Amino acid sequence: MNDTNTQEVNIGIDTSTTQLDIFIRPHGHFESFENNTQGIQKAITYIRPFNPTRVLIEATGRLEIDFVCAASQAQLPVVVCKAVNVRQFARATGRAAKTDKLDAQDIAHFGEALKPALTALKPENMRLVSDLLTVRSQLLTMSTMQKNTVQYMPKSVHTPIKNRLKALQKEVASIEKKLDKEIAKIPEWQAKLDQLTSVKGVGKVVAYTQLIAKSKPKKVALVACMRKLIVILNTMVRDGTHWDATRV
């Protein structure tokens, strides 16, 4: 390791569902770790000796949570940056190609050039958002089960089922209010939320979609539409753009 007391060390991290790609600037080292508990601890152990000025990671609203929590607890200088800012910076420097390694390099270079302030994040808030999303998902699954049950059960037992369904819906609404409150505390997430909800029909938390069509052709068409929407949403998040119906 080429230590120096005069240069800042900026570490860029590109995040995916399964992997953390890490670039150390100016040393030029590149390593990848699994995006799970064991991999994150290995990544932190790898990063710490470089004594970084900043550890920069893009806000995805979900994929970076575990790493940011662990890095904050390890007292590393974390910066959660907006993807649009990094992309604009990369284009300004002439970068057109995109790979995991190049993305990590761009994030580190962004940190060195613009010197963004450390993000004042509270790991417990990020963890709470993650937990709330998990519980909400479970409640929606239970709600769907109750809706399915009422369709084939006799009317004589509909009342208790509907009462249970109302209680679940009330809990979901309560959790969504808590999510709004917690997400508002993290500007990067609030910006991403505003991006995604610019799409007509996409709520604050993307709802689970139930395939109700029985014929195979309709299912295939519906799945294709869902996949197209997901691709569009991922592109919006990557480029920092809002919904444009003329491009669909």
Protein backbone atom coordinates (compact mmCIF):
# COMPACT_ATOMS: atom_id res chain seq x y z
CA MET A 1 0.00 0.00 0.00
CA ASN A 2 1.40 3.37 -1.03
CA ASP A 3 0.71 5.47 2.04
CA THR A 4 0.68 9.26 1.85
CA ASN A 5 -0.14 11.98 4.31
CA THR A 6 -0.77 14.63 1.66
CA GLN A 7 -3.39 12.95 -0.53
CA GLU A 8 -6.96 12.25 0.35
CA VAL A 9 -8.14 8.68 -0.02
CA ASN A 10 -11.59 8.37 -1.56
CA ILE A 11 -13.19 4.96 -1.76
CA GLY A 12 -15.96 4.42 -4.30
CA ILE A 13 -18.40 1.55 -3.87
CA ASP A 14 -20.74 0.33 -6.59
CA THR A 15 -23.57 -1.71 -5.09
CA SER A 16 -25.68 -4.51 -6.51
CA THR A 17 -27.98 -7.08 -4.94
CA THR A 18 -25.16 -9.58 -4.51
CA GLN A 19 -21.91 -7.63 -4.70
CA LEU A 20 -19.93 -4.62 -3.49
CA ASP A 21 -17.33 -3.40 -6.00
CA ILE A 22 -14.72 -1.21 -4.30
CA PHE A 23 -12.18 1.14 -5.86
CA ILE A 24 -9.48 2.89 -3.80
CA ARG A 25 -8.38 6.27 -5.17
CA PRO A 26 -5.57 7.27 -5.66
CA HIS A 27 -3.99 3.85 -4.99
CA GLY A 28 -5.88 2.23 -7.85
CA HIS A 29 -6.81 -0.95 -5.99
CA PHE A 30 -10.03 -2.74 -6.93
CA GLU A 31 -11.72 -5.51 -4.96
CA SER A 32 -15.16 -7.12 -4.85
CA PHE A 33 -17.03 -8.57 -1.88
CA GLU A 34 -20.36 -10.25 -1.44
CA ASN A 35 -23.16 -7.93 -0.35
CA ASN A 36 -24.07 -9.94 2.73
CA THR A 37 -23.14 -9.84 6.41
CA GLN A 38 -19.87 -11.75 6.02
CA GLY A 39 -18.87 -9.93 2.84
CA ILE A 40 -19.61 -6.52 4.33
CA GLN A 41 -17.38 -7.24 7.32
CA LYS A 42 -14.60 -8.35 4.97
CA ALA A 43 -15.06 -5.14 2.97
CA ILE A 44 -14.79 -2.98 6.09
CA THR A 45 -11.67 -4.88 7.19
CA TYR A 46 -10.20 -4.28 3.73
CA ILE A 47 -11.10 -0.55 3.69
CA ARG A 48 -10.00 0.44 7.20
CA PRO A 49 -6.17 0.31 6.70
CA PHE A 50 -6.41 2.88 3.89
CA ASN A 51 -7.59 5.46 6.46
CA PRO A 52 -10.10 6.88 3.95
CA THR A 53 -11.15 10.51 3.82
CA ARG A 54 -14.49 9.41 2.38
CA VAL A 55 -16.23 6.12 1.69
CA LEU A 56 -18.73 6.93 -1.02
CA ILE A 57 -21.70 4.78 -2.01
CA GLU A 58 -24.68 5.61 -4.19
CA ALA A 59 -28.16 5.77 -2.70
CA THR A 60 -30.42 2.99 -3.93
CA GLY A 61 -32.88 3.13 -1.05
CA ARG A 62 -32.26 -0.49 -0.15
CA LEU A 63 -29.13 -2.25 -1.45
CA GLU A 64 -26.68 -0.03 0.43
CA ILE A 65 -28.43 -0.12 3.81
CA ASP A 66 -26.54 -3.00 5.43
CA PHE A 67 -23.15 -1.71 4.33
CA VAL A 68 -23.87 1.88 5.43
CA CYS A 69 -25.09 0.69 8.82
CA ALA A 70 -22.00 -1.47 9.36
CA ALA A 71 -19.61 1.20 8.06
CA SER A 72 -21.17 3.87 10.26
CA GLN A 73 -20.90 1.63 13.29
CA ALA A 74 -17.24 1.06 12.36
CA GLN A 75 -16.87 4.87 12.36
CA LEU A 76 -15.88 5.06 8.70
CA PRO A 77 -16.52 8.44 6.98
CA VAL A 78 -19.55 7.50 4.88
CA VAL A 79 -21.00 9.62 2.06
CA VAL A 80 -24.27 8.47 0.52
CA CYS A 81 -24.37 10.25 -2.84
CA LYS A 82 -27.06 10.72 -5.46
CA ALA A 83 -26.61 8.57 -8.55
CA VAL A 84 -27.56 11.48 -10.83
CA ASN A 85 -24.72 13.60 -9.47
CA VAL A 86 -22.17 10.85 -10.07
CA ARG A 87 -23.49 10.17 -13.60
CA GLN A 88 -23.37 13.85 -14.50
CA PHE A 89 -19.82 14.08 -13.16
CA ALA A 90 -18.77 10.99 -15.14
CA ARG A 91 -20.20 12.42 -18.36
CA ALA A 92 -18.45 15.73 -17.70
CA THR A 93 -15.12 13.89 -17.46
CA GLY A 94 -15.78 12.07 -20.73
CA ARG A 95 -16.80 8.71 -19.30
CA ALA A 96 -19.32 6.91 -21.50
CA ALA A 97 -18.74 3.21 -20.81
CA LYS A 98 -20.30 1.56 -17.75
CA THR A 99 -19.01 -1.45 -15.84
CA ASP A 100 -19.03 -2.21 -12.14
CA LYS A 101 -15.35 -1.32 -11.88
CA LEU A 102 -15.75 1.92 -13.85
CA ASP A 103 -18.76 2.89 -11.75
CA ALA A 104 -16.75 2.42 -8.56
CA GLN A 105 -13.92 4.48 -10.07
CA ASP A 106 -16.34 7.26 -11.01
CA ILE A 107 -17.77 7.35 -7.49
CA ALA A 108 -14.28 7.62 -5.97
CA HIS A 109 -13.25 10.30 -8.49
CA PHE A 110 -16.47 12.20 -7.73
CA GLY A 111 -15.50 12.21 -4.05
CA GLU A 112 -11.98 13.45 -4.74
CA ALA A 113 -13.04 16.23 -7.12
CA LEU A 114 -16.19 17.56 -5.44
CA LYS A 115 -15.32 16.70 -1.82
CA PRO A 116 -18.93 16.14 -0.69
CA ALA A 117 -19.67 16.47 3.00
CA LEU A 118 -20.06 13.33 5.07
CA THR A 119 -23.65 12.16 5.24
CA ALA A 120 -25.23 12.60 8.64
CA LEU A 121 -26.98 9.25 8.73
CA LYS A 122 -28.24 7.42 11.76
CA PRO A 123 -27.82 3.67 11.16
CA GLU A 124 -30.76 2.93 13.43
CA ASN A 125 -33.05 4.97 11.14
CA MET A 126 -31.86 3.12 8.06
CA ARG A 127 -32.31 -0.21 9.81
CA LEU A 128 -35.81 0.83 10.85
CA VAL A 129 -36.73 1.59 7.23
CA SER A 130 -35.46 -1.83 6.17
CA ASP A 131 -37.42 -3.55 8.95
CA LEU A 132 -40.59 -1.57 8.18
CA LEU A 133 -40.38 -2.61 4.52
CA THR A 134 -40.03 -6.25 5.56
CA VAL A 135 -43.03 -6.11 7.90
CA ARG A 136 -45.08 -4.26 5.28
CA SER A 137 -44.32 -7.00 2.76
CA GLN A 138 -45.43 -9.66 5.23
CA LEU A 139 -48.66 -7.79 5.99
CA LEU A 140 -49.45 -7.43 2.28
CA THR A 141 -48.92 -11.15 1.80
CA MET A 142 -51.33 -11.87 4.67
CA SER A 143 -53.79 -9.37 3.21
CA THR A 144 -53.68 -11.09 -0.17
CA MET A 145 -54.34 -14.43 1.53
CA GLN A 146 -57.42 -13.00 3.23
CA LYS A 147 -58.70 -11.55 -0.05
CA ASN A 148 -58.28 -14.93 -1.71
CA THR A 149 -59.95 -16.72 1.18
CA VAL A 150 -63.09 -14.57 1.06
CA GLN A 151 -63.59 -15.48 -2.59
CA TYR A 152 -64.25 -19.17 -1.93
CA MET A 153 -65.58 -19.17 1.62
CA PRO A 154 -69.34 -18.99 2.26
CA LYS A 155 -70.87 -15.58 3.05
CA SER A 156 -71.66 -16.78 6.57
CA VAL A 157 -67.96 -16.42 7.49
CA HIS A 158 -67.15 -13.31 5.43
CA THR A 159 -67.51 -10.89 8.34
CA PRO A 160 -64.57 -12.14 10.49
CA ILE A 161 -62.40 -12.45 7.38
CA LYS A 162 -63.20 -8.89 6.29
CA ASN A 163 -62.58 -7.61 9.82
CA ARG A 164 -59.17 -9.25 9.79
CA LEU A 165 -58.50 -7.73 6.37
CA LYS A 166 -59.42 -4.25 7.59
CA ALA A 167 -57.07 -4.66 10.56
CA LEU A 168 -54.23 -5.64 8.22
CA GLN A 169 -54.91 -2.68 5.94
CA LYS A 170 -54.86 -0.38 8.96
CA GLU A 171 -51.46 -1.76 9.98
CA VAL A 172 -50.11 -1.27 6.45
CA ALA A 173 -51.29 2.36 6.46
CA SER A 174 -49.62 2.92 9.83
CA ILE A 175 -46.33 1.46 8.59
CA GLU A 176 -46.44 3.62 5.44
CA LYS A 177 -46.79 6.75 7.59
CA LYS A 178 -43.72 5.67 9.56
CA LEU A 179 -41.86 5.02 6.30
CA ASP A 180 -42.69 8.51 5.03
CA LYS A 181 -41.37 9.99 8.26
CA GLU A 182 -38.12 8.01 8.23
CA ILE A 183 -37.42 8.44 4.50
CA ALA A 184 -37.91 12.22 4.84
CA LYS A 185 -34.93 12.22 7.23
CA ILE A 186 -32.63 11.02 4.44
CA PRO A 187 -32.56 13.54 1.55
CA GLU A 188 -31.01 11.04 -0.86
CA TRP A 189 -33.86 8.59 -0.34
CA GLN A 190 -36.50 11.32 -0.51
CA ALA A 191 -35.12 12.38 -3.90
CA LYS A 192 -35.24 8.79 -5.14
CA LEU A 193 -38.78 8.39 -3.85
CA ASP A 194 -39.83 11.54 -5.73
CA GLN A 195 -38.24 10.11 -8.87
CA LEU A 196 -40.07 6.81 -8.76
CA THR A 197 -43.45 8.26 -7.80
CA SER A 198 -43.29 10.54 -10.84
CA VAL A 199 -44.40 7.42 -12.73
CA LYS A 200 -48.17 7.30 -13.03
CA GLY A 201 -49.49 4.36 -11.03
CA VAL A 202 -46.38 3.86 -8.87
CA GLY A 203 -47.08 4.55 -5.21
CA LYS A 204 -44.70 5.55 -2.45
CA VAL A 205 -43.82 1.93 -1.91
CA VAL A 206 -44.17 -0.25 -5.00
CA ALA A 207 -47.12 -2.55 -4.26
CA TYR A 208 -47.10 -6.29 -4.74
CA THR A 209 -48.92 -7.21 -7.92
CA GLN A 210 -51.16 -10.25 -8.00
CA LEU A 211 -51.46 -12.16 -11.26
CA ILE A 212 -55.20 -12.66 -11.63
CA ALA A 213 -55.36 -13.60 -15.27
CA LYS A 214 -55.91 -17.32 -15.72
CA SER A 215 -54.93 -17.78 -19.36
CA LYS A 216 -51.26 -18.20 -20.19
CA PRO A 217 -51.10 -15.55 -22.98
CA LYS A 218 -52.49 -12.88 -20.62
CA LYS A 219 -49.99 -13.86 -17.93
CA VAL A 220 -47.12 -13.64 -20.37
CA ALA A 221 -48.24 -10.20 -21.54
CA LEU A 222 -48.65 -8.96 -17.98
CA VAL A 223 -45.22 -10.25 -16.95
CA ALA A 224 -43.68 -8.60 -20.01
CA CYS A 225 -45.29 -5.27 -19.07
CA MET A 226 -44.06 -5.59 -15.49
CA ARG A 227 -40.52 -6.32 -16.68
CA LYS A 228 -40.58 -3.31 -19.02
CA LEU A 229 -41.71 -1.05 -16.18
CA ILE A 230 -38.94 -2.38 -13.92
CA VAL A 231 -36.35 -1.68 -16.64
CA ILE A 232 -37.70 1.87 -17.03
CA LEU A 233 -37.61 2.46 -13.26
CA ASN A 234 -34.04 1.15 -12.99
CA THR A 235 -32.98 3.44 -15.85
CA MET A 236 -34.64 6.41 -14.13
CA VAL A 237 -32.79 5.69 -10.89
CA ARG A 238 -29.48 5.22 -12.73
CA ASP A 239 -29.79 8.47 -14.70
CA GLY A 240 -31.58 10.55 -12.07
CA THR A 241 -34.49 11.34 -14.39
CA HIS A 242 -38.24 11.52 -13.83
CA TRP A 243 -41.09 9.83 -15.68
CA ASP A 244 -41.52 10.83 -19.32
CA ALA A 245 -44.57 9.21 -20.89
CA THR A 246 -43.45 10.20 -24.40
CA ARG A 247 -40.48 7.83 -24.16
CA VAL A 248 -42.47 4.73 -23.21
